């Protein structure tokens, strides 16, 4: 199973979070594995609204349904509840 999400977050900040997770390991540049789920990060062009620019990162979650759901939920809760 694969889910792609476009996040308004700098790639470096997401990578820092992933590197800090227990059991996570970097398997390639901008690719991480944790608990049976692989997460790939792809920087996207910034979104601009007037004079404001917002970073964008495509986050690609791949894995079996249970692992993907668990890791994706943890990821989402971290960035939504802590304000990124």
N, C-alpha and C. Protein backbone atom coordinates (compact mmCIF):
# COMPACT_ATOMS: atom_id res chain seq x y z
N UNK A 1 0.85 -1.17 0.00
CA UNK A 1 0.00 0.00 0.00
C UNK A 1 0.90 1.24 0.00
N UNK A 2 0.47 2.26 -0.74
CA UNK A 2 1.22 3.52 -0.80
C UNK A 2 0.26 4.69 -0.66
N UNK A 3 0.64 5.65 0.17
CA UNK A 3 -0.13 6.89 0.33
C UNK A 3 0.83 8.05 0.17
N UNK A 4 0.45 9.02 -0.66
CA UNK A 4 1.25 10.22 -0.87
C UNK A 4 0.51 11.42 -0.28
N UNK A 5 1.25 12.23 0.47
CA UNK A 5 0.66 13.43 1.08
C UNK A 5 1.57 14.63 0.84
N UNK A 6 0.97 15.75 0.51
CA UNK A 6 1.69 17.00 0.28
C UNK A 6 1.60 17.82 1.56
N UNK A 7 2.75 18.01 2.22
CA UNK A 7 2.80 18.71 3.50
C UNK A 7 3.44 20.09 3.33
N UNK A 8 2.91 21.08 4.04
CA UNK A 8 3.49 22.43 4.07
C UNK A 8 4.55 22.47 5.16
N UNK A 9 5.63 21.76 4.90
CA UNK A 9 6.69 21.58 5.89
C UNK A 9 8.01 21.43 5.13
N UNK A 10 9.08 22.04 5.63
CA UNK A 10 10.38 21.85 4.99
C UNK A 10 10.84 20.39 5.09
N UNK A 11 11.43 19.89 4.05
CA UNK A 11 11.92 18.51 4.01
C UNK A 11 12.90 18.25 5.16
N UNK A 12 13.77 19.19 5.44
CA UNK A 12 14.77 19.01 6.50
C UNK A 12 14.12 18.83 7.87
N UNK A 13 13.04 19.52 8.12
CA UNK A 13 12.36 19.39 9.41
C UNK A 13 11.70 18.01 9.56
N UNK A 14 11.13 17.51 8.48
CA UNK A 14 10.53 16.17 8.52
C UNK A 14 11.62 15.12 8.69
N UNK A 15 12.72 15.27 7.97
CA UNK A 15 13.83 14.33 8.08
C UNK A 15 14.39 14.31 9.50
N UNK A 16 14.50 15.47 10.12
CA UNK A 16 14.99 15.56 11.51
C UNK A 16 14.06 14.78 12.44
N UNK A 17 12.78 14.94 12.26
CA UNK A 17 11.80 14.20 13.07
C UNK A 17 11.97 12.69 12.87
N UNK A 18 12.07 12.25 11.63
CA UNK A 18 12.17 10.81 11.34
C UNK A 18 13.46 10.22 11.92
N UNK A 19 14.57 10.95 11.81
CA UNK A 19 15.83 10.46 12.36
C UNK A 19 15.77 10.32 13.87
N UNK A 20 14.91 11.10 14.53
CA UNK A 20 14.81 11.06 15.97
C UNK A 20 13.88 9.97 16.52
N UNK A 21 13.18 9.27 15.66
CA UNK A 21 12.26 8.23 16.12
C UNK A 21 13.02 6.96 16.51
N UNK A 22 12.61 6.35 17.62
CA UNK A 22 13.19 5.07 18.02
C UNK A 22 12.89 4.03 16.95
N UNK A 23 13.90 3.31 16.55
CA UNK A 23 13.73 2.24 15.57
C UNK A 23 13.76 2.69 14.13
N UNK A 24 13.87 3.99 13.90
CA UNK A 24 13.92 4.48 12.52
C UNK A 24 15.35 4.40 12.01
N UNK A 25 15.48 4.12 10.73
CA UNK A 25 16.81 4.14 10.12
C UNK A 25 16.72 4.73 8.72
N UNK A 26 17.75 5.46 8.36
CA UNK A 26 17.81 6.04 7.02
C UNK A 26 18.35 4.98 6.09
N UNK A 27 17.63 4.68 5.00
CA UNK A 27 18.04 3.63 4.08
C UNK A 27 18.61 4.19 2.78
N UNK A 28 18.40 5.46 2.53
CA UNK A 28 18.95 6.15 1.36
C UNK A 28 18.70 7.64 1.60
N UNK A 29 19.19 8.45 0.69
CA UNK A 29 18.96 9.88 0.84
C UNK A 29 17.46 10.15 0.78
N UNK A 30 16.94 10.81 1.80
CA UNK A 30 15.53 11.18 1.92
C UNK A 30 14.60 9.97 1.95
N UNK A 31 15.10 8.82 2.41
CA UNK A 31 14.28 7.61 2.56
C UNK A 31 14.57 6.97 3.92
N UNK A 32 13.49 6.63 4.62
CA UNK A 32 13.60 6.11 5.97
C UNK A 32 12.72 4.87 6.10
N UNK A 33 13.09 4.00 7.04
CA UNK A 33 12.30 2.80 7.33
C UNK A 33 12.06 2.77 8.82
N UNK A 34 10.81 2.52 9.19
CA UNK A 34 10.47 2.37 10.61
C UNK A 34 9.27 1.44 10.73
N UNK A 35 9.42 0.43 11.53
CA UNK A 35 8.32 -0.46 11.84
C UNK A 35 7.60 -1.06 10.65
N UNK A 36 8.32 -1.42 9.61
CA UNK A 36 7.70 -2.03 8.44
C UNK A 36 7.12 -1.04 7.45
N UNK A 37 7.37 0.23 7.65
CA UNK A 37 6.88 1.28 6.75
C UNK A 37 8.08 2.05 6.20
N UNK A 38 8.08 2.29 4.91
CA UNK A 38 9.12 3.12 4.30
C UNK A 38 8.52 4.49 4.03
N UNK A 39 9.31 5.53 4.33
CA UNK A 39 8.88 6.90 4.11
C UNK A 39 9.90 7.59 3.22
N UNK A 40 9.43 8.11 2.09
CA UNK A 40 10.30 8.84 1.17
C UNK A 40 9.87 10.31 1.18
N UNK A 41 10.85 11.21 1.13
CA UNK A 41 10.59 12.64 1.14
C UNK A 41 11.05 13.26 -0.18
N UNK A 42 10.18 14.04 -0.79
CA UNK A 42 10.54 14.74 -2.03
C UNK A 42 10.19 16.22 -1.89
N UNK A 43 11.21 17.07 -1.90
CA UNK A 43 10.92 18.51 -1.83
C UNK A 43 10.15 18.95 -3.07
N UNK A 44 9.19 19.83 -2.86
CA UNK A 44 8.41 20.38 -3.96
C UNK A 44 8.64 21.89 -4.03
N UNK A 45 8.20 22.48 -5.11
CA UNK A 45 8.31 23.92 -5.25
C UNK A 45 7.46 24.61 -4.19
N UNK A 46 7.97 25.69 -3.65
CA UNK A 46 7.22 26.43 -2.63
C UNK A 46 5.90 26.93 -3.19
N UNK A 47 4.91 26.99 -2.33
CA UNK A 47 3.63 27.62 -2.68
C UNK A 47 3.74 29.09 -2.30
N UNK A 48 3.22 29.96 -3.14
CA UNK A 48 3.29 31.39 -2.85
C UNK A 48 1.89 31.96 -2.81
N UNK A 49 1.66 32.75 -1.77
CA UNK A 49 0.41 33.48 -1.61
C UNK A 49 0.81 34.92 -1.33
N UNK A 50 0.66 35.76 -2.31
CA UNK A 50 1.12 37.14 -2.18
C UNK A 50 2.62 37.15 -1.95
N UNK A 51 3.06 37.80 -0.90
CA UNK A 51 4.49 37.87 -0.61
C UNK A 51 4.95 36.74 0.31
N UNK A 52 4.05 35.83 0.67
CA UNK A 52 4.39 34.71 1.55
C UNK A 52 4.74 33.46 0.73
N UNK A 53 5.77 32.75 1.16
CA UNK A 53 6.16 31.50 0.52
C UNK A 53 6.08 30.38 1.56
N UNK A 54 5.52 29.26 1.15
CA UNK A 54 5.35 28.12 2.04
C UNK A 54 6.09 26.92 1.48
N UNK A 55 6.97 26.30 2.29
CA UNK A 55 7.69 25.12 1.82
C UNK A 55 6.71 23.97 1.60
N UNK A 56 7.05 23.07 0.70
CA UNK A 56 6.19 21.92 0.43
C UNK A 56 7.07 20.67 0.35
N UNK A 57 6.57 19.58 0.90
CA UNK A 57 7.26 18.29 0.82
C UNK A 57 6.24 17.21 0.51
N UNK A 58 6.54 16.40 -0.48
CA UNK A 58 5.71 15.23 -0.77
C UNK A 58 6.24 14.11 0.12
N UNK A 59 5.37 13.57 0.97
CA UNK A 59 5.73 12.48 1.88
C UNK A 59 5.04 11.22 1.35
N UNK A 60 5.84 10.19 1.05
CA UNK A 60 5.31 8.96 0.48
C UNK A 60 5.49 7.83 1.49
N UNK A 61 4.38 7.31 1.96
CA UNK A 61 4.37 6.21 2.92
C UNK A 61 4.11 4.92 2.14
N UNK A 62 4.95 3.89 2.35
CA UNK A 62 4.77 2.61 1.68
C UNK A 62 4.95 1.49 2.70
N UNK A 63 4.05 0.52 2.67
CA UNK A 63 4.16 -0.61 3.59
C UNK A 63 2.84 -1.35 3.67
N UNK A 64 2.82 -2.37 4.53
CA UNK A 64 1.55 -3.08 4.69
C UNK A 64 0.58 -2.16 5.41
N UNK A 65 -0.70 -2.44 5.29
CA UNK A 65 -1.73 -1.53 5.78
C UNK A 65 -1.60 -1.21 7.26
N UNK A 66 -1.33 -2.19 8.10
CA UNK A 66 -1.23 -1.95 9.54
C UNK A 66 -0.05 -1.05 9.89
N UNK A 67 1.12 -1.37 9.35
CA UNK A 67 2.32 -0.56 9.64
C UNK A 67 2.15 0.85 9.11
N UNK A 68 1.65 0.97 7.89
CA UNK A 68 1.48 2.28 7.28
C UNK A 68 0.50 3.12 8.09
N UNK A 69 -0.61 2.55 8.49
CA UNK A 69 -1.61 3.29 9.28
C UNK A 69 -1.03 3.77 10.60
N UNK A 70 -0.29 2.90 11.28
CA UNK A 70 0.29 3.24 12.58
C UNK A 70 1.31 4.38 12.46
N UNK A 71 2.23 4.26 11.51
CA UNK A 71 3.28 5.27 11.35
C UNK A 71 2.70 6.58 10.84
N UNK A 72 1.80 6.50 9.89
CA UNK A 72 1.18 7.71 9.33
C UNK A 72 0.39 8.46 10.40
N UNK A 73 -0.31 7.74 11.25
CA UNK A 73 -1.07 8.37 12.33
C UNK A 73 -0.11 9.07 13.30
N UNK A 74 0.97 8.41 13.67
CA UNK A 74 1.97 9.00 14.56
C UNK A 74 2.56 10.26 13.93
N UNK A 75 2.89 10.18 12.65
CA UNK A 75 3.46 11.32 11.91
C UNK A 75 2.47 12.49 11.90
N UNK A 76 1.24 12.20 11.54
CA UNK A 76 0.22 13.25 11.46
C UNK A 76 -0.04 13.89 12.81
N UNK A 77 -0.18 13.08 13.84
CA UNK A 77 -0.41 13.64 15.17
C UNK A 77 0.75 14.52 15.62
N UNK A 78 1.95 14.10 15.33
CA UNK A 78 3.12 14.90 15.73
C UNK A 78 3.07 16.30 15.09
N UNK A 79 2.89 16.34 13.79
CA UNK A 79 2.96 17.64 13.10
C UNK A 79 1.69 18.48 13.27
N UNK A 80 0.55 17.86 13.44
CA UNK A 80 -0.67 18.65 13.64
C UNK A 80 -0.81 19.14 15.08
N UNK A 81 -0.47 18.31 16.04
CA UNK A 81 -0.65 18.71 17.43
C UNK A 81 0.46 19.61 17.93
N UNK A 82 1.64 19.51 17.36
CA UNK A 82 2.75 20.37 17.77
C UNK A 82 2.92 21.56 16.83
N UNK A 83 2.05 21.67 15.86
CA UNK A 83 2.13 22.81 14.94
C UNK A 83 3.30 22.70 13.99
N UNK A 84 3.82 21.49 13.78
CA UNK A 84 4.92 21.27 12.85
C UNK A 84 6.18 21.71 13.44
